[in-house]
Amino acid sequence: MPSSTFSSELRAAARLLVVSMLLGGIYAGVLRLGILRPSRGQDQWQANLIQAEEYLYEPKSWNAVLTGSSMTTRLAATLPADYFVLAFASGNAMTGLELIRQTGPRMRVLFVEANYSLKSRVDEALLGRLLHPVRDPLKARLPVLREKNQPLGILGEYLVPVVFPAEAKPCHGWAVLDEQ
């Protein structure tokens, strides 16, 4: 009797694994086809992670990279396509400089926001999350594991404007209710 129970539990676990892999493969395929729009981040922290992952995993180099704080992020819409903004809202230029130092420069020109943020410390928590020895190579090869492709973030991109159409305004990809 006990071996019968064990084998049925093993079959159930194998079935669960196969279904999970199948659903994960379908999700990865949908992302690859561009059917779903990637998330821009559910909050400021995740938006900063997404920005840094774009720099790390985008397989190209840029004419120029700008690094800095939220003041630099505001320039993104006005820059040419071959410029990359590696700036962190509520962060500083030092984090971007450290990321470039550890991963190697991939630009012709580097612009650094020069203000009080140069005296700030590097965001070690952000860099630790980005430059993890196991996670980093996996994210480089499997885009489905990147922050911008988290299912909850993508779902939020679509649902919040539908649930709150009149009151919602975009904020890091998610819509927030207008506080009046």
N, C-alpha and C. Protein backbone atom coordinates (compact mmCIF):
# COMPACT_ATOMS: atom_id res chain seq x y z
N MET A 1 0.80 -1.20 0.00
CA MET A 1 0.00 0.00 0.00
C MET A 1 0.85 1.28 0.00
N PRO A 2 1.89 1.37 0.88
CA PRO A 2 2.68 2.59 0.92
C PRO A 2 3.35 2.90 -0.42
N SER A 3 3.86 1.89 -1.14
CA SER A 3 4.51 2.17 -2.42
C SER A 3 3.50 2.66 -3.45
N SER A 4 2.27 2.20 -3.36
CA SER A 4 1.22 2.66 -4.25
C SER A 4 0.92 4.14 -4.03
N THR A 5 0.88 4.56 -2.76
CA THR A 5 0.64 5.96 -2.42
C THR A 5 1.81 6.81 -2.89
N PHE A 6 3.03 6.31 -2.69
CA PHE A 6 4.21 7.05 -3.12
C PHE A 6 4.23 7.23 -4.63
N SER A 7 3.90 6.19 -5.38
CA SER A 7 3.93 6.30 -6.85
C SER A 7 2.83 7.22 -7.35
N SER A 8 1.68 7.25 -6.71
CA SER A 8 0.62 8.18 -7.14
C SER A 8 1.02 9.62 -6.83
N GLU A 9 1.70 9.83 -5.69
CA GLU A 9 2.19 11.17 -5.37
C GLU A 9 3.27 11.60 -6.34
N LEU A 10 4.12 10.66 -6.74
CA LEU A 10 5.17 10.95 -7.70
C LEU A 10 4.57 11.31 -9.07
N ARG A 11 3.54 10.57 -9.49
CA ARG A 11 2.86 10.88 -10.76
C ARG A 11 2.21 12.26 -10.70
N ALA A 12 1.59 12.58 -9.57
CA ALA A 12 0.95 13.89 -9.42
C ALA A 12 1.99 15.00 -9.48
N ALA A 13 3.14 14.81 -8.84
CA ALA A 13 4.21 15.80 -8.88
C ALA A 13 4.76 15.95 -10.29
N ALA A 14 4.94 14.83 -10.99
CA ALA A 14 5.43 14.88 -12.37
C ALA A 14 4.43 15.59 -13.28
N ARG A 15 3.16 15.32 -13.08
CA ARG A 15 2.11 15.98 -13.87
C ARG A 15 2.13 17.49 -13.61
N LEU A 16 2.26 17.87 -12.35
CA LEU A 16 2.33 19.28 -11.99
C LEU A 16 3.55 19.95 -12.62
N LEU A 17 4.67 19.27 -12.63
CA LEU A 17 5.89 19.80 -13.23
C LEU A 17 5.71 20.00 -14.74
N VAL A 18 5.12 19.01 -15.40
CA VAL A 18 4.90 19.10 -16.85
C VAL A 18 3.95 20.26 -17.18
N VAL A 19 2.86 20.38 -16.43
CA VAL A 19 1.90 21.46 -16.68
C VAL A 19 2.56 22.82 -16.42
N SER A 20 3.35 22.93 -15.36
CA SER A 20 4.05 24.18 -15.06
C SER A 20 5.01 24.56 -16.18
N MET A 21 5.76 23.58 -16.67
CA MET A 21 6.70 23.84 -17.76
C MET A 21 5.96 24.23 -19.03
N LEU A 22 4.85 23.58 -19.30
CA LEU A 22 4.04 23.91 -20.47
C LEU A 22 3.51 25.34 -20.38
N LEU A 23 2.94 25.71 -19.23
CA LEU A 23 2.42 27.07 -19.05
C LEU A 23 3.55 28.10 -19.12
N GLY A 24 4.69 27.79 -18.52
CA GLY A 24 5.84 28.69 -18.59
C GLY A 24 6.33 28.87 -20.02
N GLY A 25 6.34 27.79 -20.79
CA GLY A 25 6.73 27.87 -22.19
C GLY A 25 5.76 28.70 -23.02
N ILE A 26 4.48 28.53 -22.75
CA ILE A 26 3.47 29.33 -23.47
C ILE A 26 3.65 30.81 -23.13
N TYR A 27 3.85 31.11 -21.84
CA TYR A 27 4.06 32.49 -21.41
C TYR A 27 5.31 33.09 -22.07
N ALA A 28 6.39 32.33 -22.10
CA ALA A 28 7.63 32.81 -22.74
C ALA A 28 7.40 33.06 -24.23
N GLY A 29 6.64 32.18 -24.88
CA GLY A 29 6.34 32.36 -26.30
C GLY A 29 5.50 33.60 -26.56
N VAL A 30 4.51 33.83 -25.70
CA VAL A 30 3.67 35.02 -25.84
C VAL A 30 4.51 36.28 -25.67
N LEU A 31 5.42 36.27 -24.72
CA LEU A 31 6.31 37.42 -24.53
C LEU A 31 7.22 37.62 -25.74
N ARG A 32 7.76 36.54 -26.24
CA ARG A 32 8.67 36.62 -27.39
C ARG A 32 7.99 37.15 -28.65
N LEU A 33 6.72 36.80 -28.81
CA LEU A 33 5.95 37.27 -29.96
C LEU A 33 5.51 38.72 -29.82
N GLY A 34 5.67 39.27 -28.62
CA GLY A 34 5.30 40.66 -28.41
C GLY A 34 3.80 40.87 -28.23
N ILE A 35 3.09 39.83 -27.90
CA ILE A 35 1.65 39.94 -27.71
C ILE A 35 1.34 40.76 -26.45
N LEU A 36 2.14 40.59 -25.42
CA LEU A 36 1.97 41.35 -24.19
C LEU A 36 3.03 42.44 -24.10
N ARG A 37 2.62 43.58 -23.61
CA ARG A 37 3.52 44.71 -23.41
C ARG A 37 4.26 44.52 -22.09
N PRO A 38 5.59 44.63 -22.06
CA PRO A 38 6.33 44.45 -20.81
C PRO A 38 5.95 45.53 -19.79
N SER A 39 6.13 45.19 -18.55
CA SER A 39 5.85 46.12 -17.46
C SER A 39 6.92 47.19 -17.38
N ARG A 40 6.54 48.37 -16.97
CA ARG A 40 7.51 49.44 -16.73
C ARG A 40 7.83 49.55 -15.24
N GLY A 41 7.26 48.65 -14.45
CA GLY A 41 7.54 48.61 -13.02
C GLY A 41 6.32 48.93 -12.19
N GLN A 42 6.14 48.18 -11.13
CA GLN A 42 5.01 48.40 -10.25
C GLN A 42 5.30 49.49 -9.24
N ASP A 43 6.56 49.79 -9.01
CA ASP A 43 6.95 50.85 -8.09
C ASP A 43 8.32 51.37 -8.54
N GLN A 44 8.82 52.35 -7.82
CA GLN A 44 10.08 52.98 -8.20
C GLN A 44 11.25 52.01 -8.17
N TRP A 45 11.30 51.17 -7.16
CA TRP A 45 12.39 50.19 -7.02
C TRP A 45 12.42 49.28 -8.24
N GLN A 46 11.26 48.73 -8.61
CA GLN A 46 11.23 47.82 -9.75
C GLN A 46 11.50 48.55 -11.06
N ALA A 47 11.04 49.79 -11.18
CA ALA A 47 11.34 50.58 -12.38
C ALA A 47 12.85 50.78 -12.52
N ASN A 48 13.54 51.01 -11.41
CA ASN A 48 15.00 51.14 -11.44
C ASN A 48 15.67 49.83 -11.84
N LEU A 49 15.16 48.71 -11.30
CA LEU A 49 15.70 47.40 -11.68
C LEU A 49 15.52 47.14 -13.18
N ILE A 50 14.35 47.46 -13.69
CA ILE A 50 14.06 47.24 -15.11
C ILE A 50 15.02 48.07 -15.96
N GLN A 51 15.24 49.32 -15.57
CA GLN A 51 16.16 50.19 -16.32
C GLN A 51 17.57 49.61 -16.34
N ALA A 52 18.03 49.14 -15.19
CA ALA A 52 19.37 48.56 -15.11
C ALA A 52 19.46 47.25 -15.89
N GLU A 53 18.40 46.43 -15.84
CA GLU A 53 18.41 45.18 -16.61
C GLU A 53 18.43 45.46 -18.11
N GLU A 54 17.76 46.51 -18.54
CA GLU A 54 17.82 46.88 -19.96
C GLU A 54 19.27 47.17 -20.37
N TYR A 55 19.99 47.88 -19.52
CA TYR A 55 21.40 48.16 -19.82
C TYR A 55 22.22 46.87 -19.85
N LEU A 56 21.99 46.01 -18.88
CA LEU A 56 22.78 44.78 -18.77
C LEU A 56 22.52 43.80 -19.92
N TYR A 57 21.26 43.61 -20.26
CA TYR A 57 20.90 42.50 -21.15
C TYR A 57 20.59 42.91 -22.59
N GLU A 58 20.50 44.19 -22.86
CA GLU A 58 20.27 44.63 -24.24
C GLU A 58 21.58 44.39 -25.00
N PRO A 59 21.54 43.61 -26.08
CA PRO A 59 22.80 43.20 -26.73
C PRO A 59 23.37 44.24 -27.68
N LYS A 60 23.40 45.50 -27.26
CA LYS A 60 23.97 46.51 -28.14
C LYS A 60 24.73 47.53 -27.32
N SER A 61 25.45 48.38 -28.03
CA SER A 61 26.12 49.49 -27.36
C SER A 61 25.46 50.78 -27.86
N TRP A 62 25.63 51.83 -27.10
CA TRP A 62 24.97 53.09 -27.39
C TRP A 62 25.99 54.16 -27.72
N ASN A 63 25.52 55.19 -28.41
CA ASN A 63 26.37 56.34 -28.68
C ASN A 63 26.70 57.03 -27.36
N ALA A 64 25.69 57.15 -26.49
CA ALA A 64 25.91 57.80 -25.20
C ALA A 64 25.03 57.17 -24.14
N VAL A 65 25.51 57.17 -22.91
CA VAL A 65 24.75 56.72 -21.75
C VAL A 65 24.76 57.87 -20.75
N LEU A 66 23.60 58.14 -20.18
CA LEU A 66 23.46 59.14 -19.14
C LEU A 66 23.18 58.43 -17.83
N THR A 67 23.89 58.78 -16.77
CA THR A 67 23.62 58.20 -15.47
C THR A 67 23.39 59.32 -14.47
N GLY A 68 22.48 59.06 -13.54
CA GLY A 68 22.15 60.08 -12.56
C GLY A 68 20.95 59.68 -11.72
N SER A 69 20.23 60.70 -11.26
CA SER A 69 19.07 60.49 -10.40
C SER A 69 17.79 60.72 -11.20
N SER A 70 16.71 60.99 -10.50
CA SER A 70 15.42 61.20 -11.17
C SER A 70 15.45 62.42 -12.08
N MET A 71 16.34 63.36 -11.84
CA MET A 71 16.44 64.51 -12.75
C MET A 71 16.88 64.04 -14.13
N THR A 72 17.77 63.09 -14.19
CA THR A 72 18.25 62.56 -15.47
C THR A 72 17.17 61.72 -16.15
N THR A 73 16.35 61.01 -15.37
CA THR A 73 15.31 60.17 -15.98
C THR A 73 14.32 61.01 -16.79
N ARG A 74 14.15 62.26 -16.42
CA ARG A 74 13.21 63.14 -17.13
C ARG A 74 13.67 63.47 -18.54
N LEU A 75 14.93 63.26 -18.84
CA LEU A 75 15.47 63.56 -20.17
C LEU A 75 15.19 62.46 -21.19
N ALA A 76 14.79 61.29 -20.74
CA ALA A 76 14.69 60.11 -21.61
C ALA A 76 13.85 60.36 -22.86
N ALA A 77 12.73 61.04 -22.73
CA ALA A 77 11.83 61.23 -23.88
C ALA A 77 12.40 62.18 -24.92
N THR A 78 13.38 62.99 -24.54
CA THR A 78 13.90 64.01 -25.46
C THR A 78 15.19 63.60 -26.17
N LEU A 79 15.69 62.41 -25.88
CA LEU A 79 16.99 61.99 -26.40
C LEU A 79 16.86 61.13 -27.65
N PRO A 80 17.91 61.09 -28.48
CA PRO A 80 17.91 60.21 -29.65
C PRO A 80 17.85 58.74 -29.23
N ALA A 81 17.48 57.88 -30.17
CA ALA A 81 17.31 56.45 -29.89
C ALA A 81 18.62 55.76 -29.50
N ASP A 82 19.76 56.30 -29.93
CA ASP A 82 21.03 55.65 -29.60
C ASP A 82 21.64 56.16 -28.28
N TYR A 83 20.83 56.84 -27.47
CA TYR A 83 21.22 57.26 -26.13
C TYR A 83 20.47 56.39 -25.13
N PHE A 84 21.13 56.00 -24.06
CA PHE A 84 20.47 55.19 -23.04
C PHE A 84 20.55 55.92 -21.70
N VAL A 85 19.42 55.99 -21.01
CA VAL A 85 19.37 56.65 -19.71
C VAL A 85 19.45 55.58 -18.62
N LEU A 86 20.58 55.52 -17.98
CA LEU A 86 20.82 54.60 -16.86
C LEU A 86 20.77 55.42 -15.58
N ALA A 87 19.58 55.95 -15.31
CA ALA A 87 19.38 56.81 -14.15
C ALA A 87 18.35 56.18 -13.24
N PHE A 88 18.45 56.48 -11.96
CA PHE A 88 17.61 55.81 -10.97
C PHE A 88 16.83 56.83 -10.16
N ALA A 89 15.51 56.76 -10.26
CA ALA A 89 14.66 57.62 -9.46
C ALA A 89 14.92 57.31 -7.98
N SER A 90 15.04 58.33 -7.18
CA SER A 90 15.40 58.21 -5.76
C SER A 90 16.77 57.55 -5.59
N GLY A 91 17.57 57.59 -6.62
CA GLY A 91 18.90 57.00 -6.57
C GLY A 91 19.94 58.05 -6.91
N ASN A 92 21.06 57.60 -7.43
CA ASN A 92 22.13 58.54 -7.74
C ASN A 92 23.01 58.02 -8.87
N ALA A 93 23.89 58.89 -9.33
CA ALA A 93 24.79 58.56 -10.43
C ALA A 93 25.81 57.50 -10.05
N MET A 94 26.15 57.42 -8.79
CA MET A 94 27.18 56.47 -8.35
C MET A 94 26.78 55.02 -8.62
N THR A 95 25.50 54.72 -8.48
CA THR A 95 25.03 53.35 -8.74
C THR A 95 25.21 53.01 -10.22
N GLY A 96 24.84 53.93 -11.09
CA GLY A 96 25.03 53.72 -12.53
C GLY A 96 26.50 53.59 -12.90
N LEU A 97 27.34 54.44 -12.31
CA LEU A 97 28.77 54.36 -12.58
C LEU A 97 29.35 53.03 -12.13
N GLU A 98 28.93 52.56 -10.96
CA GLU A 98 29.42 51.28 -10.46
C GLU A 98 28.96 50.12 -11.34
N LEU A 99 27.72 50.18 -11.81
CA LEU A 99 27.21 49.14 -12.72
C LEU A 99 28.03 49.11 -14.01
N ILE A 100 28.33 50.27 -14.55
CA ILE A 100 29.15 50.36 -15.77
C ILE A 100 30.56 49.84 -15.50
N ARG A 101 31.12 50.19 -14.34
CA ARG A 101 32.47 49.73 -13.99
C ARG A 101 32.54 48.21 -13.89
N GLN A 102 31.52 47.61 -13.25
CA GLN A 102 31.55 46.16 -13.04
C GLN A 102 31.21 45.35 -14.30
N THR A 103 30.47 45.95 -15.22
CA THR A 103 30.04 45.19 -16.41
C THR A 103 30.75 45.62 -17.68
N GLY A 104 31.48 46.70 -17.62
CA GLY A 104 32.20 47.18 -18.79
C GLY A 104 31.40 48.21 -19.56
N PRO A 105 32.08 49.26 -20.04
CA PRO A 105 31.37 50.31 -20.77
C PRO A 105 30.92 49.83 -22.15
N ARG A 106 29.73 50.26 -22.53
CA ARG A 106 29.18 49.92 -23.86
C ARG A 106 28.64 51.17 -24.52
N MET A 107 29.46 52.24 -24.49
CA MET A 107 29.05 53.51 -25.07
C MET A 107 30.27 54.28 -25.52
N ARG A 108 30.03 55.24 -26.41
CA ARG A 108 31.13 56.12 -26.82
C ARG A 108 31.34 57.23 -25.81
N VAL A 109 30.21 57.79 -25.31
CA VAL A 109 30.27 58.94 -24.41
C VAL A 109 29.43 58.62 -23.17
N LEU A 110 29.93 59.02 -22.01
CA LEU A 110 29.20 58.84 -20.76
C LEU A 110 28.94 60.22 -20.16
N PHE A 111 27.66 60.51 -19.91
CA PHE A 111 27.27 61.75 -19.24
C PHE A 111 26.88 61.40 -17.80
N VAL A 112 27.41 62.16 -16.86
CA VAL A 112 27.13 61.91 -15.45
C VAL A 112 26.47 63.16 -14.86
N GLU A 113 25.33 62.96 -14.23
CA GLU A 113 24.67 64.06 -13.53
C GLU A 113 25.55 64.46 -12.35
N ALA A 114 26.02 65.69 -12.38
CA ALA A 114 26.94 66.15 -11.35
C ALA A 114 26.21 67.07 -10.37
N ASN A 115 25.85 66.52 -9.24
CA ASN A 115 25.23 67.28 -8.16
C ASN A 115 25.53 66.57 -6.86
N TYR A 116 24.71 66.77 -5.86
CA TYR A 116 24.93 66.13 -4.57
C TYR A 116 24.98 64.61 -4.66
N SER A 117 24.37 64.05 -5.71
CA SER A 117 24.31 62.59 -5.80
C SER A 117 25.68 61.96 -5.97
N LEU A 118 26.69 62.74 -6.39
CA LEU A 118 28.04 62.18 -6.51
C LEU A 118 28.64 61.90 -5.13
N LYS A 119 28.07 62.52 -4.10
CA LYS A 119 28.53 62.26 -2.73
C LYS A 119 27.76 61.10 -2.10
N SER A 120 26.74 60.63 -2.78
CA SER A 120 25.91 59.56 -2.23
C SER A 120 26.60 58.22 -2.40
N ARG A 121 26.10 57.25 -1.68
CA ARG A 121 26.65 55.89 -1.74
C ARG A 121 26.00 55.10 -2.88
N VAL A 122 26.72 54.11 -3.32
CA VAL A 122 26.21 53.17 -4.33
C VAL A 122 25.09 52.35 -3.69
N ASP A 123 24.04 52.11 -4.43
CA ASP A 123 22.94 51.28 -3.94
C ASP A 123 23.35 49.81 -4.06
N GLU A 124 23.94 49.29 -2.99
CA GLU A 124 24.46 47.92 -3.00
C GLU A 124 23.34 46.89 -3.14
N ALA A 125 22.16 47.18 -2.60
CA ALA A 125 21.04 46.24 -2.71
C ALA A 125 20.62 46.08 -4.16
N LEU A 126 20.57 47.18 -4.90
CA LEU A 126 20.21 47.12 -6.32
C LEU A 126 21.27 46.36 -7.11
N LEU A 127 22.53 46.69 -6.88
CA LEU A 127 23.61 46.00 -7.61
C LEU A 127 23.67 44.52 -7.25
N GLY A 128 23.44 44.21 -5.98
CA GLY A 128 23.44 42.80 -5.56
C GLY A 128 22.35 42.01 -6.25
N ARG A 129 21.22 42.64 -6.44
CA ARG A 129 20.10 41.98 -7.13
C ARG A 129 20.41 41.80 -8.62
N LEU A 130 21.14 42.75 -9.20
CA LEU A 130 21.44 42.71 -10.64
C LEU A 130 22.60 41.78 -10.97
N LEU A 131 23.62 41.80 -10.15
CA LEU A 131 24.87 41.10 -10.47
C LEU A 131 25.02 39.81 -9.68
N HIS A 132 23.95 39.13 -9.47
CA HIS A 132 23.96 37.86 -8.74
C HIS A 132 24.63 36.80 -9.62
N PRO A 133 25.55 36.00 -9.07
CA PRO A 133 26.32 35.06 -9.90
C PRO A 133 25.48 33.96 -10.55
N VAL A 134 24.34 33.62 -10.00
CA VAL A 134 23.49 32.58 -10.60
C VAL A 134 22.37 33.20 -11.43
N ARG A 135 21.70 34.19 -10.85
CA ARG A 135 20.54 34.80 -11.51
C ARG A 135 20.92 35.58 -12.76
N ASP A 136 22.05 36.28 -12.74
CA ASP A 136 22.44 37.12 -13.87
C ASP A 136 22.60 36.34 -15.18
N PRO A 137 23.34 35.23 -15.20
CA PRO A 137 23.44 34.48 -16.45
C PRO A 137 22.09 33.90 -16.91
N LEU A 138 21.25 33.51 -15.95
CA LEU A 138 19.92 32.99 -16.32
C LEU A 138 19.07 34.07 -16.97
N LYS A 139 19.06 35.27 -16.39
CA LYS A 139 18.27 36.37 -16.95
C LYS A 139 18.81 36.80 -18.31
N ALA A 140 20.12 36.67 -18.50
CA ALA A 140 20.70 37.03 -19.79
C ALA A 140 20.20 36.09 -20.90
N ARG A 141 19.99 34.83 -20.55
CA ARG A 141 19.57 33.84 -21.54
C ARG A 141 18.06 33.63 -21.60
N LEU A 142 17.37 33.92 -20.51
CA LEU A 142 15.92 33.69 -20.43
C LEU A 142 15.20 34.99 -20.08
N PRO A 143 14.81 35.77 -21.08
CA PRO A 143 14.15 37.06 -20.83
C PRO A 143 12.88 36.95 -19.98
N VAL A 144 12.26 35.78 -19.95
CA VAL A 144 11.05 35.61 -19.16
C VAL A 144 11.31 35.81 -17.67
N LEU A 145 12.56 35.70 -17.23
CA LEU A 145 12.91 35.86 -15.82
C LEU A 145 13.17 37.31 -15.41
N ARG A 146 13.19 38.22 -16.38
CA ARG A 146 13.51 39.61 -16.07
C ARG A 146 12.33 40.32 -15.40
N GLU A 147 12.65 41.37 -14.68
CA GLU A 147 11.64 42.12 -13.92
C GLU A 147 10.50 42.62 -14.80
N LYS A 148 10.82 43.12 -15.98
CA LYS A 148 9.77 43.68 -16.84
C LYS A 148 8.78 42.63 -17.33
N ASN A 149 9.12 41.36 -17.20
CA ASN A 149 8.26 40.28 -17.68
C ASN A 149 7.53 39.54 -16.56
N GLN A 150 7.55 40.08 -15.34
CA GLN A 150 6.82 39.44 -14.26
C GLN A 150 5.32 39.49 -14.56
N PRO A 151 4.65 38.37 -14.46
CA PRO A 151 3.22 38.32 -14.83
C PRO A 151 2.36 39.33 -14.07
N LEU A 152 2.59 39.53 -12.79
CA LEU A 152 1.76 40.46 -12.02
C LEU A 152 1.94 41.89 -12.51
N GLY A 153 3.15 42.27 -12.85
CA GLY A 153 3.39 43.61 -13.38
C GLY A 153 2.72 43.83 -14.72
N ILE A 154 2.79 42.83 -15.59
CA ILE A 154 2.15 42.93 -16.90
C ILE A 154 0.63 42.99 -16.74
N LEU A 155 0.10 42.17 -15.84
CA LEU A 155 -1.33 42.18 -15.58
C LEU A 155 -1.78 43.56 -15.09
N GLY A 156 -0.99 44.16 -14.22
CA GLY A 156 -1.31 45.49 -13.72
C GLY A 156 -1.33 46.55 -14.81
N GLU A 157 -0.45 46.41 -15.79
CA GLU A 157 -0.42 47.36 -16.91
C GLU A 157 -1.77 47.38 -17.64
N TYR A 158 -2.42 46.24 -17.70
CA TYR A 158 -3.68 46.13 -18.42
C TYR A 158 -4.90 46.36 -17.53
N LEU A 159 -4.86 45.86 -16.30
CA LEU A 159 -6.05 45.89 -15.45
C LEU A 159 -6.35 47.23 -14.79
N VAL A 160 -5.35 47.90 -14.26
CA VAL A 160 -5.61 49.12 -13.50
C VAL A 160 -6.32 50.18 -14.34
N PRO A 161 -5.91 50.46 -15.58
CA PRO A 161 -6.66 51.44 -16.37
C PRO A 161 -8.10 50.99 -16.69
N VAL A 162 -8.33 49.69 -16.73
CA VAL A 162 -9.69 49.20 -17.00
C VAL A 162 -10.55 49.32 -15.75
N VAL A 163 -9.99 48.98 -14.61
CA VAL A 163 -10.75 49.01 -13.36
C VAL A 163 -11.02 50.46 -12.92
N PHE A 164 -10.04 51.35 -13.12
CA PHE A 164 -10.17 52.75 -12.71
C PHE A 164 -9.97 53.67 -13.92
N PRO A 165 -10.83 53.63 -14.94
CA PRO A 165 -10.56 54.38 -16.17
C PRO A 165 -10.54 55.90 -16.01
N ALA A 166 -11.42 56.46 -15.23
CA ALA A 166 -11.50 57.91 -15.13
C ALA A 166 -10.46 58.49 -14.17
N GLU A 167 -10.19 57.78 -13.10
CA GLU A 167 -9.32 58.32 -12.06
C GLU A 167 -7.86 57.96 -12.23
N ALA A 168 -7.54 57.05 -13.13
CA ALA A 168 -6.18 56.52 -13.22
C ALA A 168 -5.28 57.40 -14.06
N LYS A 169 -4.05 57.54 -13.60
CA LYS A 169 -3.01 58.20 -14.39
C LYS A 169 -1.75 57.35 -14.27
N PRO A 170 -0.93 57.29 -15.32
CA PRO A 170 0.24 56.41 -15.28
C PRO A 170 1.29 56.86 -14.27
N CYS A 171 1.90 55.88 -13.62
CA CYS A 171 2.99 56.14 -12.68
C CYS A 171 3.87 54.89 -12.67
N HIS A 172 5.02 54.92 -13.31
CA HIS A 172 5.92 53.77 -13.43
C HIS A 172 5.23 52.60 -14.09
N GLY A 173 4.30 52.84 -14.98
CA GLY A 173 3.64 51.73 -15.65
C GLY A 173 2.31 51.41 -15.03
N TRP A 174 2.24 51.37 -13.72
CA TRP A 174 0.96 51.15 -13.05
C TRP A 174 0.21 52.47 -13.09
N ALA A 175 -1.08 52.41 -13.02
CA ALA A 175 -1.86 53.63 -12.89
C ALA A 175 -2.16 53.84 -11.41
N VAL A 176 -2.15 55.07 -10.98
CA VAL A 176 -2.47 55.36 -9.59
C VAL A 176 -3.71 56.24 -9.56
N LEU A 177 -4.46 56.13 -8.50
CA LEU A 177 -5.65 56.96 -8.37
C LEU A 177 -5.23 58.38 -8.09
N ASP A 178 -5.91 59.31 -8.74
CA ASP A 178 -5.64 60.71 -8.55
C ASP A 178 -6.17 61.13 -7.19
N GLU A 179 -5.29 61.56 -6.30
CA GLU A 179 -5.69 61.95 -4.95
C GLU A 179 -6.13 63.39 -4.96
N GLN A 180 -7.42 63.61 -4.68
CA GLN A 180 -7.94 64.99 -4.68
C GLN A 180 -8.43 65.37 -3.34
